[in-house]
Full PDB file with SEQRES, HELIX, SHEET, SSBOND, CRYST1, ORIGX, SCALE, CONECT and MASTER records, all heavy atoms in Angstrom:
SEQRES   1 A   34  ILE PRO LYS GLY SER ALA VAL VAL PRO LEU CYS ILE GLU          
SEQRES   2 A   34  GLY GLN GLU TYR SER SER PRO ASP PHE SER ALA LEU ILE          
SEQRES   3 A   34  GLU LYS ILE SER LEU GLU VAL SER                              
HELIX    1 AA1 SER A   19  GLU A   32  1                                  14    
CRYST1    1.000    1.000    1.000  90.00  90.00  90.00 P 1           1          
ORIGX1      1.000000  0.000000  0.000000        0.00000                         
ORIGX2      0.000000  1.000000  0.000000        0.00000                         
ORIGX3      0.000000  0.000000  1.000000        0.00000                         
SCALE1      1.000000  0.000000  0.000000        0.00000                         
SCALE2      0.000000  1.000000  0.000000        0.00000                         
SCALE3      0.000000  0.000000  1.000000        0.00000                         
ATOM      1  N   ILE A   1     -11.859   0.979  -9.811  1.00  0.00           N  
ATOM      2  CA  ILE A   1     -11.376   0.588  -8.520  1.00  0.00           C  
ATOM      3  C   ILE A   1     -12.511   0.043  -7.637  1.00  0.00           C  
ATOM      4  O   ILE A   1     -13.681   0.516  -7.512  1.00  0.00           O  
ATOM      5  CB  ILE A   1     -10.959   1.964  -7.603  1.00  0.00           C  
ATOM      6  CG1 ILE A   1      -9.833   2.597  -8.468  1.00  0.00           C  
ATOM      7  CG2 ILE A   1     -10.626   1.674  -6.317  1.00  0.00           C  
ATOM      8  CD1 ILE A   1      -9.527   3.917  -7.974  1.00  0.00           C  
ATOM      9  N   PRO A   2     -12.234  -1.251  -7.136  1.00  0.00           N  
ATOM     10  CA  PRO A   2     -13.324  -1.948  -6.450  1.00  0.00           C  
ATOM     11  C   PRO A   2     -13.665  -1.211  -5.018  1.00  0.00           C  
ATOM     12  O   PRO A   2     -12.721  -0.629  -4.361  1.00  0.00           O  
ATOM     13  CB  PRO A   2     -12.751  -3.357  -6.050  1.00  0.00           C  
ATOM     14  CG  PRO A   2     -11.571  -3.490  -7.015  1.00  0.00           C  
ATOM     15  CD  PRO A   2     -11.206  -2.093  -7.314  1.00  0.00           C  
ATOM     16  N   LYS A   3     -14.939  -1.164  -4.682  1.00  0.00           N  
ATOM     17  CA  LYS A   3     -15.476  -0.484  -3.440  1.00  0.00           C  
ATOM     18  C   LYS A   3     -14.631  -1.259  -2.264  1.00  0.00           C  
ATOM     19  O   LYS A   3     -14.464  -2.401  -2.199  1.00  0.00           O  
ATOM     20  CB  LYS A   3     -16.909  -0.705  -3.311  1.00  0.00           C  
ATOM     21  CG  LYS A   3     -17.737  -0.138  -4.341  1.00  0.00           C  
ATOM     22  CD  LYS A   3     -18.334   1.199  -3.872  1.00  0.00           C  
ATOM     23  CE  LYS A   3     -19.203   1.868  -4.960  1.00  0.00           C  
ATOM     24  NZ  LYS A   3     -18.652   2.623  -5.929  1.00  0.00           N  
ATOM     25  N   GLY A   4     -14.162  -0.293  -1.402  1.00  0.00           N  
ATOM     26  CA  GLY A   4     -13.611  -0.706  -0.087  1.00  0.00           C  
ATOM     27  C   GLY A   4     -12.201  -1.166  -0.311  1.00  0.00           C  
ATOM     28  O   GLY A   4     -11.516  -1.537   0.665  1.00  0.00           O  
ATOM     29  N   SER A   5     -11.578  -0.967  -1.530  1.00  0.00           N  
ATOM     30  CA  SER A   5     -10.207  -1.213  -1.704  1.00  0.00           C  
ATOM     31  C   SER A   5      -9.332  -0.036  -1.249  1.00  0.00           C  
ATOM     32  O   SER A   5      -9.724   1.113  -1.511  1.00  0.00           O  
ATOM     33  CB  SER A   5     -10.002  -1.458  -3.193  1.00  0.00           C  
ATOM     34  OG  SER A   5      -8.623  -1.699  -3.463  1.00  0.00           O  
ATOM     35  N   ALA A   6      -8.148  -0.314  -0.600  1.00  0.00           N  
ATOM     36  CA  ALA A   6      -7.178   0.642  -0.365  1.00  0.00           C  
ATOM     37  C   ALA A   6      -6.529   1.030  -1.801  1.00  0.00           C  
ATOM     38  O   ALA A   6      -6.406   0.165  -2.517  1.00  0.00           O  
ATOM     39  CB  ALA A   6      -6.007   0.094   0.579  1.00  0.00           C  
ATOM     40  N   VAL A   7      -6.379   2.294  -2.043  1.00  0.00           N  
ATOM     41  CA  VAL A   7      -5.797   2.820  -3.227  1.00  0.00           C  
ATOM     42  C   VAL A   7      -4.391   3.313  -2.990  1.00  0.00           C  
ATOM     43  O   VAL A   7      -3.942   4.040  -2.168  1.00  0.00           O  
ATOM     44  CB  VAL A   7      -6.675   3.906  -3.836  1.00  0.00           C  
ATOM     45  CG1 VAL A   7      -6.106   4.503  -5.090  1.00  0.00           C  
ATOM     46  CG2 VAL A   7      -8.082   3.463  -4.035  1.00  0.00           C  
ATOM     47  N   VAL A   8      -3.512   2.681  -3.783  1.00  0.00           N  
ATOM     48  CA  VAL A   8      -2.125   3.109  -3.868  1.00  0.00           C  
ATOM     49  C   VAL A   8      -1.528   3.486  -5.257  1.00  0.00           C  
ATOM     50  O   VAL A   8      -1.239   2.785  -6.032  1.00  0.00           O  
ATOM     51  CB  VAL A   8      -1.114   2.010  -3.286  1.00  0.00           C  
ATOM     52  CG1 VAL A   8       0.286   2.488  -3.226  1.00  0.00           C  
ATOM     53  CG2 VAL A   8      -1.591   1.408  -1.938  1.00  0.00           C  
ATOM     54  N   PRO A   9      -1.600   4.860  -5.509  1.00  0.00           N  
ATOM     55  CA  PRO A   9      -1.232   5.348  -6.789  1.00  0.00           C  
ATOM     56  C   PRO A   9       0.364   5.284  -6.898  1.00  0.00           C  
ATOM     57  O   PRO A   9       1.001   5.648  -5.932  1.00  0.00           O  
ATOM     58  CB  PRO A   9      -1.636   6.748  -6.784  1.00  0.00           C  
ATOM     59  CG  PRO A   9      -2.526   6.998  -5.563  1.00  0.00           C  
ATOM     60  CD  PRO A   9      -2.191   5.864  -4.705  1.00  0.00           C  
ATOM     61  N   LEU A  10       0.861   5.013  -8.066  1.00  0.00           N  
ATOM     62  CA  LEU A  10       2.352   5.056  -8.304  1.00  0.00           C  
ATOM     63  C   LEU A  10       2.628   6.380  -8.873  1.00  0.00           C  
ATOM     64  O   LEU A  10       2.032   6.710  -9.971  1.00  0.00           O  
ATOM     65  CB  LEU A  10       2.819   3.930  -9.177  1.00  0.00           C  
ATOM     66  CG  LEU A  10       3.167   2.615  -8.482  1.00  0.00           C  
ATOM     67  CD1 LEU A  10       1.964   1.833  -7.960  1.00  0.00           C  
ATOM     68  CD2 LEU A  10       3.920   1.704  -9.395  1.00  0.00           C  
ATOM     69  N   CYS A  11       3.388   7.151  -8.262  1.00  0.00           N  
ATOM     70  CA  CYS A  11       3.756   8.548  -8.774  1.00  0.00           C  
ATOM     71  C   CYS A  11       5.124   8.956  -8.276  1.00  0.00           C  
ATOM     72  O   CYS A  11       5.407   8.664  -7.213  1.00  0.00           O  
ATOM     73  CB  CYS A  11       2.526   9.580  -8.482  1.00  0.00           C  
ATOM     74  SG  CYS A  11       2.090   9.626  -6.735  1.00  0.00           S  
ATOM     75  N   ILE A  12       5.624   9.921  -8.913  1.00  0.00           N  
ATOM     76  CA  ILE A  12       6.896  10.390  -8.639  1.00  0.00           C  
ATOM     77  C   ILE A  12       7.011  11.112  -7.231  1.00  0.00           C  
ATOM     78  O   ILE A  12       7.953  11.009  -6.511  1.00  0.00           O  
ATOM     79  CB  ILE A  12       7.514  11.364  -9.744  1.00  0.00           C  
ATOM     80  CG1 ILE A  12       8.995  11.555  -9.620  1.00  0.00           C  
ATOM     81  CG2 ILE A  12       6.802  12.683  -9.698  1.00  0.00           C  
ATOM     82  CD1 ILE A  12       9.956  10.524 -10.200  1.00  0.00           C  
ATOM     83  N   GLU A  13       5.892  11.649  -6.765  1.00  0.00           N  
ATOM     84  CA  GLU A  13       5.847  12.334  -5.489  1.00  0.00           C  
ATOM     85  C   GLU A  13       5.545  11.268  -4.321  1.00  0.00           C  
ATOM     86  O   GLU A  13       5.505  11.723  -3.242  1.00  0.00           O  
ATOM     87  CB  GLU A  13       4.937  13.570  -5.528  1.00  0.00           C  
ATOM     88  CG  GLU A  13       3.562  13.225  -5.782  1.00  0.00           C  
ATOM     89  CD  GLU A  13       3.099  13.271  -7.196  1.00  0.00           C  
ATOM     90  OE1 GLU A  13       3.898  13.056  -8.146  1.00  0.00           O  
ATOM     91  OE2 GLU A  13       2.034  13.633  -7.517  1.00  0.00           O  
ATOM     92  N   GLY A  14       5.414  10.060  -4.655  1.00  0.00           N  
ATOM     93  CA  GLY A  14       5.066   9.039  -3.728  1.00  0.00           C  
ATOM     94  C   GLY A  14       6.335   8.751  -2.860  1.00  0.00           C  
ATOM     95  O   GLY A  14       7.419   9.239  -3.060  1.00  0.00           O  
ATOM     96  N   GLN A  15       6.210   7.902  -1.771  1.00  0.00           N  
ATOM     97  CA  GLN A  15       7.186   7.514  -0.936  1.00  0.00           C  
ATOM     98  C   GLN A  15       7.912   6.275  -1.496  1.00  0.00           C  
ATOM     99  O   GLN A  15       7.307   5.492  -2.147  1.00  0.00           O  
ATOM    100  CB  GLN A  15       6.571   7.295   0.464  1.00  0.00           C  
ATOM    101  CG  GLN A  15       7.631   6.995   1.596  1.00  0.00           C  
ATOM    102  CD  GLN A  15       6.948   6.656   2.776  1.00  0.00           C  
ATOM    103  OE1 GLN A  15       5.828   7.132   3.142  1.00  0.00           O  
ATOM    104  NE2 GLN A  15       7.580   5.976   3.747  1.00  0.00           N  
ATOM    105  N   GLU A  16       9.240   6.398  -1.264  1.00  0.00           N  
ATOM    106  CA  GLU A  16      10.069   5.263  -1.646  1.00  0.00           C  
ATOM    107  C   GLU A  16      10.140   4.302  -0.455  1.00  0.00           C  
ATOM    108  O   GLU A  16      10.073   4.721   0.677  1.00  0.00           O  
ATOM    109  CB  GLU A  16      11.449   5.726  -1.929  1.00  0.00           C  
ATOM    110  CG  GLU A  16      11.545   6.593  -3.184  1.00  0.00           C  
ATOM    111  CD  GLU A  16      12.875   6.963  -3.580  1.00  0.00           C  
ATOM    112  OE1 GLU A  16      13.882   6.224  -3.415  1.00  0.00           O  
ATOM    113  OE2 GLU A  16      12.986   8.168  -3.932  1.00  0.00           O  
ATOM    114  N   TYR A  17      10.072   3.053  -0.698  1.00  0.00           N  
ATOM    115  CA  TYR A  17      10.125   1.987   0.410  1.00  0.00           C  
ATOM    116  C   TYR A  17      11.367   0.940   0.010  1.00  0.00           C  
ATOM    117  O   TYR A  17      11.448   0.628  -1.081  1.00  0.00           O  
ATOM    118  CB  TYR A  17       8.828   1.189   0.533  1.00  0.00           C  
ATOM    119  CG  TYR A  17       7.700   2.037   0.923  1.00  0.00           C  
ATOM    120  CD1 TYR A  17       6.923   2.655   0.027  1.00  0.00           C  
ATOM    121  CD2 TYR A  17       7.409   2.040   2.312  1.00  0.00           C  
ATOM    122  CE1 TYR A  17       5.768   3.438   0.533  1.00  0.00           C  
ATOM    123  CE2 TYR A  17       6.295   2.669   2.818  1.00  0.00           C  
ATOM    124  CZ  TYR A  17       5.474   3.462   1.892  1.00  0.00           C  
ATOM    125  OH  TYR A  17       4.323   4.095   2.377  1.00  0.00           O  
ATOM    126  N   SER A  18      11.948   0.535   1.131  1.00  0.00           N  
ATOM    127  CA  SER A  18      12.828  -0.703   0.976  1.00  0.00           C  
ATOM    128  C   SER A  18      11.859  -1.860   0.775  1.00  0.00           C  
ATOM    129  O   SER A  18      10.639  -1.702   1.083  1.00  0.00           O  
ATOM    130  CB  SER A  18      13.630  -0.782   2.140  1.00  0.00           C  
ATOM    131  OG  SER A  18      12.807  -1.189   3.309  1.00  0.00           O  
ATOM    132  N   SER A  19      12.313  -2.943   0.240  1.00  0.00           N  
ATOM    133  CA  SER A  19      11.485  -4.145   0.137  1.00  0.00           C  
ATOM    134  C   SER A  19      10.821  -4.626   1.474  1.00  0.00           C  
ATOM    135  O   SER A  19       9.640  -4.850   1.571  1.00  0.00           O  
ATOM    136  CB  SER A  19      12.204  -5.297  -0.524  1.00  0.00           C  
ATOM    137  OG  SER A  19      12.498  -4.911  -1.921  1.00  0.00           O  
ATOM    138  N   PRO A  20      11.699  -4.715   2.495  1.00  0.00           N  
ATOM    139  CA  PRO A  20      11.046  -5.083   3.922  1.00  0.00           C  
ATOM    140  C   PRO A  20       9.914  -4.067   4.280  1.00  0.00           C  
ATOM    141  O   PRO A  20       8.939  -4.486   4.891  1.00  0.00           O  
ATOM    142  CB  PRO A  20      12.181  -5.055   4.778  1.00  0.00           C  
ATOM    143  CG  PRO A  20      13.428  -5.475   3.936  1.00  0.00           C  
ATOM    144  CD  PRO A  20      13.145  -4.648   2.563  1.00  0.00           C  
ATOM    145  N   ASP A  21      10.165  -2.767   4.082  1.00  0.00           N  
ATOM    146  CA  ASP A  21       9.171  -1.694   4.512  1.00  0.00           C  
ATOM    147  C   ASP A  21       7.899  -1.836   3.528  1.00  0.00           C  
ATOM    148  O   ASP A  21       6.886  -1.536   4.085  1.00  0.00           O  
ATOM    149  CB  ASP A  21       9.752  -0.361   4.306  1.00  0.00           C  
ATOM    150  CG  ASP A  21      10.887  -0.077   5.433  1.00  0.00           C  
ATOM    151  OD1 ASP A  21      10.774  -0.723   6.509  1.00  0.00           O  
ATOM    152  OD2 ASP A  21      11.589   0.977   5.298  1.00  0.00           O  
ATOM    153  N   PHE A  22       8.074  -2.292   2.422  1.00  0.00           N  
ATOM    154  CA  PHE A  22       7.000  -2.350   1.485  1.00  0.00           C  
ATOM    155  C   PHE A  22       6.137  -3.610   1.904  1.00  0.00           C  
ATOM    156  O   PHE A  22       4.916  -3.532   1.920  1.00  0.00           O  
ATOM    157  CB  PHE A  22       7.419  -2.511   0.011  1.00  0.00           C  
ATOM    158  CG  PHE A  22       6.359  -2.569  -1.104  1.00  0.00           C  
ATOM    159  CD1 PHE A  22       5.371  -1.595  -1.090  1.00  0.00           C  
ATOM    160  CD2 PHE A  22       6.168  -3.660  -1.976  1.00  0.00           C  
ATOM    161  CE1 PHE A  22       4.327  -1.603  -2.036  1.00  0.00           C  
ATOM    162  CE2 PHE A  22       5.250  -3.724  -2.897  1.00  0.00           C  
ATOM    163  CZ  PHE A  22       4.262  -2.684  -2.974  1.00  0.00           C  
ATOM    164  N   SER A  23       6.966  -4.668   2.205  1.00  0.00           N  
ATOM    165  CA  SER A  23       6.162  -5.857   2.814  1.00  0.00           C  
ATOM    166  C   SER A  23       5.349  -5.402   4.020  1.00  0.00           C  
ATOM    167  O   SER A  23       4.203  -5.820   4.216  1.00  0.00           O  
ATOM    168  CB  SER A  23       7.137  -6.923   3.120  1.00  0.00           C  
ATOM    169  OG  SER A  23       6.521  -8.106   3.762  1.00  0.00           O  
ATOM    170  N   ALA A  24       5.850  -4.604   4.983  1.00  0.00           N  
ATOM    171  CA  ALA A  24       5.271  -4.198   6.109  1.00  0.00           C  
ATOM    172  C   ALA A  24       3.941  -3.369   5.702  1.00  0.00           C  
ATOM    173  O   ALA A  24       2.863  -3.469   6.409  1.00  0.00           O  
ATOM    174  CB  ALA A  24       6.088  -3.441   7.095  1.00  0.00           C  
ATOM    175  N   LEU A  25       4.120  -2.492   4.798  1.00  0.00           N  
ATOM    176  CA  LEU A  25       2.952  -1.658   4.283  1.00  0.00           C  
ATOM    177  C   LEU A  25       1.853  -2.578   3.848  1.00  0.00           C  
ATOM    178  O   LEU A  25       0.710  -2.346   4.229  1.00  0.00           O  
ATOM    179  CB  LEU A  25       3.367  -0.795   3.159  1.00  0.00           C  
ATOM    180  CG  LEU A  25       2.282   0.118   2.415  1.00  0.00           C  
ATOM    181  CD1 LEU A  25       1.708   1.038   3.456  1.00  0.00           C  
ATOM    182  CD2 LEU A  25       2.801   0.669   1.258  1.00  0.00           C  
ATOM    183  N   ILE A  26       2.171  -3.544   2.989  1.00  0.00           N  
ATOM    184  CA  ILE A  26       1.107  -4.439   2.498  1.00  0.00           C  
ATOM    185  C   ILE A  26       0.517  -5.268   3.650  1.00  0.00           C  
ATOM    186  O   ILE A  26      -0.735  -5.404   3.743  1.00  0.00           O  
ATOM    187  CB  ILE A  26       1.703  -5.508   1.437  1.00  0.00           C  
ATOM    188  CG1 ILE A  26       1.871  -4.567   0.212  1.00  0.00           C  
ATOM    189  CG2 ILE A  26       0.583  -6.494   1.059  1.00  0.00           C  
ATOM    190  CD1 ILE A  26       2.574  -5.437  -1.067  1.00  0.00           C  
ATOM    191  N   GLU A  27       1.267  -5.614   4.608  1.00  0.00           N  
ATOM    192  CA  GLU A  27       0.748  -6.278   5.784  1.00  0.00           C  
ATOM    193  C   GLU A  27      -0.277  -5.443   6.589  1.00  0.00           C  
ATOM    194  O   GLU A  27      -1.323  -5.808   7.000  1.00  0.00           O  
ATOM    195  CB  GLU A  27       1.808  -6.739   6.837  1.00  0.00           C  
ATOM    196  CG  GLU A  27       2.399  -8.103   6.350  1.00  0.00           C  
ATOM    197  CD  GLU A  27       3.459  -8.561   7.434  1.00  0.00           C  
ATOM    198  OE1 GLU A  27       3.045  -8.532   8.595  1.00  0.00           O  
ATOM    199  OE2 GLU A  27       4.680  -9.006   7.012  1.00  0.00           O  
ATOM    200  N   LYS A  28       0.162  -4.114   6.739  1.00  0.00           N  
ATOM    201  CA  LYS A  28      -0.617  -3.197   7.469  1.00  0.00           C  
ATOM    202  C   LYS A  28      -1.994  -2.941   6.680  1.00  0.00           C  
ATOM    203  O   LYS A  28      -3.020  -2.890   7.409  1.00  0.00           O  
ATOM    204  CB  LYS A  28       0.131  -1.917   7.593  1.00  0.00           C  
ATOM    205  CG  LYS A  28      -0.602  -0.725   8.258  1.00  0.00           C  
ATOM    206  CD  LYS A  28       0.155   0.588   8.439  1.00  0.00           C  
ATOM    207  CE  LYS A  28      -0.504   1.554   9.036  1.00  0.00           C  
ATOM    208  NZ  LYS A  28      -1.039   2.627   8.123  1.00  0.00           N  
ATOM    209  N   ILE A  29      -1.841  -2.834   5.446  1.00  0.00           N  
ATOM    210  CA  ILE A  29      -3.137  -2.665   4.463  1.00  0.00           C  
ATOM    211  C   ILE A  29      -4.049  -3.810   4.716  1.00  0.00           C  
ATOM    212  O   ILE A  29      -5.185  -3.657   4.878  1.00  0.00           O  
ATOM    213  CB  ILE A  29      -2.757  -2.368   3.062  1.00  0.00           C  
ATOM    214  CG1 ILE A  29      -2.191  -0.972   2.927  1.00  0.00           C  
ATOM    215  CG2 ILE A  29      -3.951  -2.472   2.227  1.00  0.00           C  
ATOM    216  CD1 ILE A  29      -1.483  -0.765   1.702  1.00  0.00           C  
ATOM    217  N   SER A  30      -3.431  -5.054   4.654  1.00  0.00           N  
ATOM    218  CA  SER A  30      -4.185  -6.317   4.815  1.00  0.00           C  
ATOM    219  C   SER A  30      -4.915  -6.387   6.184  1.00  0.00           C  
ATOM    220  O   SER A  30      -6.047  -7.063   6.193  1.00  0.00           O  
ATOM    221  CB  SER A  30      -3.399  -7.448   4.586  1.00  0.00           C  
ATOM    222  OG  SER A  30      -2.526  -7.702   5.720  1.00  0.00           O  
ATOM    223  N   LEU A  31      -4.447  -5.647   7.158  1.00  0.00           N  
ATOM    224  CA  LEU A  31      -5.194  -5.635   8.463  1.00  0.00           C  
ATOM    225  C   LEU A  31      -6.370  -4.756   8.525  1.00  0.00           C  
ATOM    226  O   LEU A  31      -7.323  -4.928   9.203  1.00  0.00           O  
ATOM    227  CB  LEU A  31      -4.228  -5.352   9.560  1.00  0.00           C  
ATOM    228  CG  LEU A  31      -3.104  -6.340   9.782  1.00  0.00           C  
ATOM    229  CD1 LEU A  31      -2.135  -5.764  10.912  1.00  0.00           C  
ATOM    230  CD2 LEU A  31      -3.554  -7.701  10.359  1.00  0.00           C  
ATOM    231  N   GLU A  32      -6.414  -3.929   7.584  1.00  0.00           N  
ATOM    232  CA  GLU A  32      -7.374  -2.820   7.472  1.00  0.00           C  
ATOM    233  C   GLU A  32      -8.505  -3.196   6.419  1.00  0.00           C  
ATOM    234  O   GLU A  32      -9.682  -2.876   6.659  1.00  0.00           O  
ATOM    235  CB  GLU A  32      -6.782  -1.423   7.107  1.00  0.00           C  
ATOM    236  CG  GLU A  32      -5.894  -0.894   8.210  1.00  0.00           C  
ATOM    237  CD  GLU A  32      -5.073   0.346   7.784  1.00  0.00           C  
ATOM    238  OE1 GLU A  32      -5.245   0.746   6.732  1.00  0.00           O  
ATOM    239  OE2 GLU A  32      -4.253   0.751   8.626  1.00  0.00           O  
ATOM    240  N   VAL A  33      -8.202  -3.658   5.363  1.00  0.00           N  
ATOM    241  CA  VAL A  33      -9.024  -4.078   4.277  1.00  0.00           C  
ATOM    242  C   VAL A  33      -8.576  -5.335   3.530  1.00  0.00           C  
ATOM    243  O   VAL A  33      -7.540  -5.805   3.797  1.00  0.00           O  
ATOM    244  CB  VAL A  33      -9.077  -2.829   3.128  1.00  0.00           C  
ATOM    245  CG1 VAL A  33      -9.695  -1.682   3.635  1.00  0.00           C  
ATOM    246  CG2 VAL A  33      -7.751  -2.613   2.564  1.00  0.00           C  
ATOM    247  N   SER A  34      -9.539  -5.811   2.747  1.00  0.00           N  
ATOM    248  CA  SER A  34      -9.211  -7.172   2.076  1.00  0.00           C  
ATOM    249  C   SER A  34      -8.771  -7.005   0.692  1.00  0.00           C  
ATOM    250  O   SER A  34      -8.532  -7.958   0.090  1.00  0.00           O  
ATOM    251  CB  SER A  34     -10.582  -8.014   2.018  1.00  0.00           C  
ATOM    252  OG  SER A  34     -11.582  -7.389   1.461  1.00  0.00           O  
TER     253      SER A  34                                                      
MASTER        0    0    0    1    0    0    0    6  252    1    0    3          
END                                                                             
């Protein structure tokens, strides 16, 4: 895992997202880290 990277594990207990919500999540992450 690169230093400073946001970490998103894929696991059964994770949250389900619609595609537009997943897009918004990636946008949000991109505002916080590169």
